[in-house]
N, C-alpha and C. Protein backbone atom coordinates (compact mmCIF):
# COMPACT_ATOMS: atom_id res chain seq x y z
N MET A 1 167.29 85.54 135.23
CA MET A 1 166.55 84.65 134.37
C MET A 1 167.25 83.31 134.38
N SER A 2 166.48 82.24 134.37
CA SER A 2 167.07 80.92 134.44
C SER A 2 167.80 80.59 133.14
N ALA A 3 168.85 79.79 133.26
CA ALA A 3 169.68 79.45 132.12
C ALA A 3 168.94 78.57 131.11
N THR A 4 167.89 77.86 131.54
CA THR A 4 167.17 76.96 130.64
C THR A 4 166.13 77.69 129.80
N LYS A 5 165.79 78.88 130.16
CA LYS A 5 164.79 79.64 129.41
C LYS A 5 165.45 80.46 128.31
N GLN A 6 164.74 80.61 127.19
CA GLN A 6 165.23 81.45 126.10
C GLN A 6 165.06 82.91 126.51
N LYS A 7 166.04 83.72 126.21
CA LYS A 7 165.99 85.12 126.58
C LYS A 7 164.96 85.86 125.72
N LEU A 8 164.20 86.74 126.35
CA LEU A 8 163.20 87.54 125.65
C LEU A 8 163.91 88.54 124.75
N GLN A 9 163.54 88.58 123.50
CA GLN A 9 164.15 89.50 122.54
C GLN A 9 163.28 90.74 122.40
N LEU A 10 163.42 91.67 123.34
CA LEU A 10 162.63 92.89 123.33
C LEU A 10 163.46 94.02 123.88
N GLN A 11 163.62 95.08 123.12
CA GLN A 11 164.37 96.26 123.57
C GLN A 11 163.37 97.36 123.90
N PRO A 12 163.22 97.70 125.19
CA PRO A 12 162.28 98.76 125.56
C PRO A 12 162.76 100.12 125.08
N LEU A 13 161.83 101.02 124.86
CA LEU A 13 162.14 102.37 124.39
C LEU A 13 162.08 103.37 125.55
N ALA A 14 162.77 104.49 125.37
CA ALA A 14 162.76 105.63 126.30
C ALA A 14 163.01 105.19 127.75
N ASP A 15 162.06 105.50 128.65
CA ASP A 15 162.25 105.20 130.08
C ASP A 15 161.54 103.91 130.49
N ARG A 16 161.35 102.99 129.56
CA ARG A 16 160.69 101.72 129.86
C ARG A 16 161.72 100.66 130.25
N VAL A 17 161.26 99.67 131.03
CA VAL A 17 162.09 98.53 131.43
C VAL A 17 161.31 97.24 131.21
N VAL A 18 162.03 96.14 131.04
CA VAL A 18 161.43 94.81 130.98
C VAL A 18 161.87 94.09 132.23
N ILE A 19 160.89 93.55 132.97
CA ILE A 19 161.15 92.88 134.24
C ILE A 19 160.67 91.44 134.14
N GLU A 20 161.53 90.50 134.54
CA GLU A 20 161.11 89.11 134.67
C GLU A 20 160.49 88.98 136.06
N VAL A 21 159.21 88.67 136.11
CA VAL A 21 158.47 88.60 137.36
C VAL A 21 158.92 87.40 138.18
N ILE A 22 159.14 87.63 139.47
CA ILE A 22 159.49 86.56 140.40
C ILE A 22 158.26 86.27 141.24
N ASP A 23 157.72 85.08 141.08
CA ASP A 23 156.52 84.67 141.80
C ASP A 23 156.90 83.53 142.73
N ASP A 24 157.13 83.85 144.00
CA ASP A 24 157.58 82.83 144.94
C ASP A 24 156.54 82.51 145.99
N GLN A 25 155.26 82.75 145.72
CA GLN A 25 154.20 82.49 146.69
C GLN A 25 153.33 81.31 146.27
N GLN A 26 153.93 80.15 146.06
CA GLN A 26 153.13 79.00 145.66
C GLN A 26 152.64 78.18 146.84
N THR A 27 153.30 78.33 147.99
CA THR A 27 152.85 77.62 149.19
C THR A 27 152.91 78.56 150.38
N THR A 28 152.12 78.26 151.40
CA THR A 28 152.14 79.04 152.63
C THR A 28 153.32 78.59 153.49
N ALA A 29 153.56 79.27 154.60
CA ALA A 29 154.64 78.90 155.50
C ALA A 29 154.43 77.48 156.03
N GLY A 30 153.18 77.05 156.13
CA GLY A 30 152.87 75.70 156.61
C GLY A 30 152.92 74.65 155.53
N GLY A 31 153.21 75.05 154.26
CA GLY A 31 153.35 74.10 153.18
C GLY A 31 152.09 73.86 152.37
N ILE A 32 151.03 74.63 152.59
CA ILE A 32 149.79 74.47 151.84
C ILE A 32 149.92 75.16 150.49
N TYR A 33 149.58 74.45 149.40
CA TYR A 33 149.64 75.00 148.05
C TYR A 33 148.56 76.05 147.85
N ILE A 34 148.93 77.18 147.25
CA ILE A 34 147.98 78.26 146.97
C ILE A 34 147.74 78.28 145.46
N PRO A 35 146.51 78.05 144.99
CA PRO A 35 146.24 78.07 143.55
C PRO A 35 146.37 79.49 142.99
N ASP A 36 146.61 79.59 141.67
CA ASP A 36 146.79 80.88 141.01
C ASP A 36 145.65 81.85 141.29
N THR A 37 144.43 81.37 141.34
CA THR A 37 143.27 82.24 141.53
C THR A 37 143.23 82.87 142.92
N ALA A 38 143.90 82.28 143.90
CA ALA A 38 143.87 82.80 145.27
C ALA A 38 145.14 83.58 145.63
N ARG A 39 146.13 83.59 144.74
CA ARG A 39 147.40 84.25 145.04
C ARG A 39 147.34 85.74 144.80
N GLU A 40 148.15 86.46 145.58
CA GLU A 40 148.35 87.90 145.35
C GLU A 40 149.20 88.06 144.08
N LYS A 41 149.01 89.17 143.39
CA LYS A 41 149.85 89.44 142.23
C LYS A 41 151.29 89.67 142.69
N PRO A 42 152.27 89.13 141.96
CA PRO A 42 153.67 89.34 142.34
C PRO A 42 154.03 90.83 142.24
N VAL A 43 154.94 91.25 143.08
CA VAL A 43 155.34 92.65 143.08
C VAL A 43 156.85 92.83 143.02
N LYS A 44 157.58 91.75 142.70
CA LYS A 44 159.02 91.91 142.55
C LYS A 44 159.50 91.13 141.35
N GLY A 45 160.65 91.57 140.85
CA GLY A 45 161.22 90.92 139.69
C GLY A 45 162.61 91.44 139.41
N ARG A 46 163.23 90.87 138.37
CA ARG A 46 164.59 91.23 138.00
C ARG A 46 164.55 91.94 136.65
N ILE A 47 165.23 93.06 136.55
CA ILE A 47 165.28 93.82 135.31
C ILE A 47 166.17 93.09 134.32
N ILE A 48 165.63 92.83 133.12
CA ILE A 48 166.40 92.13 132.09
C ILE A 48 166.73 93.03 130.91
N ALA A 49 166.07 94.20 130.79
CA ALA A 49 166.38 95.14 129.71
C ALA A 49 165.89 96.53 130.11
N ILE A 50 166.62 97.55 129.69
CA ILE A 50 166.21 98.93 129.95
C ILE A 50 166.30 99.75 128.67
N GLY A 51 165.50 100.80 128.63
CA GLY A 51 165.55 101.73 127.51
C GLY A 51 166.71 102.70 127.66
N THR A 52 166.78 103.66 126.76
CA THR A 52 167.89 104.61 126.76
C THR A 52 167.69 105.79 127.70
N GLY A 53 166.49 105.92 128.25
CA GLY A 53 166.19 107.03 129.15
C GLY A 53 165.19 107.99 128.52
N ARG A 54 164.56 108.77 129.38
CA ARG A 54 163.54 109.72 128.94
C ARG A 54 164.20 110.95 128.33
N THR A 55 163.65 111.44 127.21
CA THR A 55 164.15 112.65 126.58
C THR A 55 163.47 113.84 127.23
N LEU A 56 164.27 114.76 127.75
CA LEU A 56 163.75 115.96 128.41
C LEU A 56 163.36 117.00 127.37
N ASP A 57 162.66 118.05 127.81
CA ASP A 57 162.21 119.10 126.90
C ASP A 57 163.36 119.80 126.18
N ASN A 58 164.53 119.86 126.83
CA ASN A 58 165.68 120.52 126.20
C ASN A 58 166.44 119.60 125.26
N GLY A 59 165.97 118.36 125.07
CA GLY A 59 166.57 117.42 124.13
C GLY A 59 167.60 116.49 124.72
N THR A 60 167.99 116.69 125.98
CA THR A 60 168.95 115.79 126.60
C THR A 60 168.24 114.55 127.15
N LYS A 61 169.02 113.49 127.35
CA LYS A 61 168.47 112.25 127.90
C LYS A 61 168.67 112.23 129.40
N GLU A 62 167.60 111.88 130.13
CA GLU A 62 167.70 111.67 131.57
C GLU A 62 168.14 110.22 131.75
N PRO A 63 169.27 109.98 132.41
CA PRO A 63 169.75 108.60 132.55
C PRO A 63 168.82 107.76 133.42
N MET A 64 168.83 106.46 133.16
CA MET A 64 168.02 105.53 133.93
C MET A 64 168.65 105.33 135.31
N THR A 65 167.81 105.20 136.34
CA THR A 65 168.27 104.96 137.70
C THR A 65 168.57 103.49 137.92
N VAL A 66 167.78 102.62 137.30
CA VAL A 66 167.95 101.17 137.46
C VAL A 66 168.85 100.63 136.36
N LYS A 67 169.38 99.41 136.59
CA LYS A 67 170.22 98.78 135.59
C LYS A 67 169.81 97.31 135.44
N VAL A 68 170.25 96.70 134.36
CA VAL A 68 169.96 95.29 134.12
C VAL A 68 170.54 94.47 135.27
N GLY A 69 169.74 93.55 135.78
CA GLY A 69 170.16 92.69 136.89
C GLY A 69 169.62 93.14 138.23
N ASP A 70 169.13 94.39 138.34
CA ASP A 70 168.58 94.87 139.62
C ASP A 70 167.33 94.09 139.99
N LEU A 71 167.19 93.77 141.28
CA LEU A 71 165.98 93.16 141.83
C LEU A 71 165.11 94.32 142.31
N VAL A 72 163.91 94.44 141.77
CA VAL A 72 163.07 95.61 142.05
C VAL A 72 161.69 95.22 142.56
N MET A 73 161.06 96.17 143.21
CA MET A 73 159.68 96.04 143.65
C MET A 73 158.88 97.04 142.80
N PHE A 74 157.72 96.59 142.31
CA PHE A 74 156.93 97.46 141.43
C PHE A 74 155.46 97.45 141.85
N ALA A 75 154.70 98.38 141.29
CA ALA A 75 153.27 98.50 141.59
C ALA A 75 152.56 97.21 141.17
N LYS A 76 151.68 96.72 142.02
CA LYS A 76 151.00 95.44 141.81
C LYS A 76 150.31 95.33 140.45
N TYR A 77 149.63 96.37 140.05
CA TYR A 77 148.90 96.33 138.78
C TYR A 77 149.54 97.20 137.72
N GLY A 78 150.79 97.60 137.92
CA GLY A 78 151.49 98.46 136.96
C GLY A 78 152.01 97.69 135.77
N GLY A 79 152.24 98.41 134.70
CA GLY A 79 152.86 97.84 133.52
C GLY A 79 151.96 96.98 132.67
N THR A 80 152.55 96.42 131.65
CA THR A 80 151.87 95.54 130.71
C THR A 80 152.46 94.14 130.85
N GLU A 81 151.59 93.15 131.00
CA GLU A 81 152.05 91.77 131.17
C GLU A 81 152.33 91.13 129.82
N LEU A 82 153.37 90.29 129.81
CA LEU A 82 153.76 89.55 128.62
C LEU A 82 154.25 88.19 129.09
N LYS A 83 153.83 87.14 128.42
CA LYS A 83 154.25 85.79 128.79
C LYS A 83 154.89 85.12 127.59
N GLN A 84 156.08 84.53 127.79
CA GLN A 84 156.76 83.81 126.73
C GLN A 84 157.42 82.59 127.32
N ASP A 85 157.18 81.44 126.73
CA ASP A 85 157.76 80.16 127.19
C ASP A 85 157.51 79.92 128.67
N GLY A 86 156.33 80.28 129.16
CA GLY A 86 155.97 80.04 130.54
C GLY A 86 156.55 81.03 131.53
N VAL A 87 157.28 82.03 131.06
CA VAL A 87 157.88 83.04 131.93
C VAL A 87 157.07 84.32 131.80
N GLU A 88 156.74 84.92 132.95
CA GLU A 88 155.96 86.15 132.95
C GLU A 88 156.90 87.36 133.03
N TYR A 89 156.63 88.33 132.17
CA TYR A 89 157.39 89.58 132.13
C TYR A 89 156.44 90.75 132.31
N LYS A 90 156.99 91.87 132.75
CA LYS A 90 156.25 93.13 132.81
C LYS A 90 157.06 94.17 132.06
N ILE A 91 156.38 94.98 131.26
CA ILE A 91 157.00 96.11 130.60
C ILE A 91 156.38 97.34 131.23
N MET A 92 157.21 98.21 131.79
CA MET A 92 156.67 99.38 132.49
C MET A 92 157.64 100.54 132.43
N ALA A 93 157.11 101.70 132.73
CA ALA A 93 157.94 102.90 132.82
C ALA A 93 158.74 102.84 134.12
N GLU A 94 159.92 103.40 134.11
CA GLU A 94 160.77 103.38 135.30
C GLU A 94 160.06 104.00 136.50
N ARG A 95 159.21 104.97 136.29
CA ARG A 95 158.50 105.64 137.40
C ARG A 95 157.54 104.70 138.13
N ASP A 96 157.16 103.56 137.50
CA ASP A 96 156.27 102.60 138.14
C ASP A 96 157.03 101.64 139.06
N ILE A 97 158.36 101.71 139.04
CA ILE A 97 159.17 100.89 139.95
C ILE A 97 159.23 101.62 141.29
N LEU A 98 158.92 100.89 142.35
CA LEU A 98 158.84 101.50 143.68
C LEU A 98 160.20 101.56 144.36
N GLY A 99 161.08 100.62 144.06
CA GLY A 99 162.40 100.63 144.67
C GLY A 99 163.24 99.45 144.24
N ILE A 100 164.53 99.56 144.56
CA ILE A 100 165.50 98.49 144.29
C ILE A 100 165.68 97.72 145.58
N LEU A 101 165.53 96.40 145.53
CA LEU A 101 165.66 95.55 146.71
C LEU A 101 167.11 95.12 146.91
N ALA A 102 167.56 95.10 148.15
CA ALA A 102 168.89 94.61 148.48
C ALA A 102 168.90 93.09 148.39
N GLU A 103 170.00 92.54 147.95
CA GLU A 103 170.10 91.07 147.85
C GLU A 103 171.02 90.52 148.88
């Protein structure tokens, strides 16, 4: 998250995560601007908060696989969108994350 933006004050529950969406498709390789209506939905972002993990039937907590700061790829239409101060976030279950991207 950029240092100039105010941090989102939201603590996800159970196996949910909060992801700051990274939208880097504003221009084509040739430099042509792509308007919002013609762009693909972003599918990657950085995890900024995680829940405590899913509670199993026996009462124990299943630990989260992802951690704060991970760069992840997620389902295009997964999760719930939230926008604050011009920054787009997604709140979703950990199972909707497709993978952790190498940096």
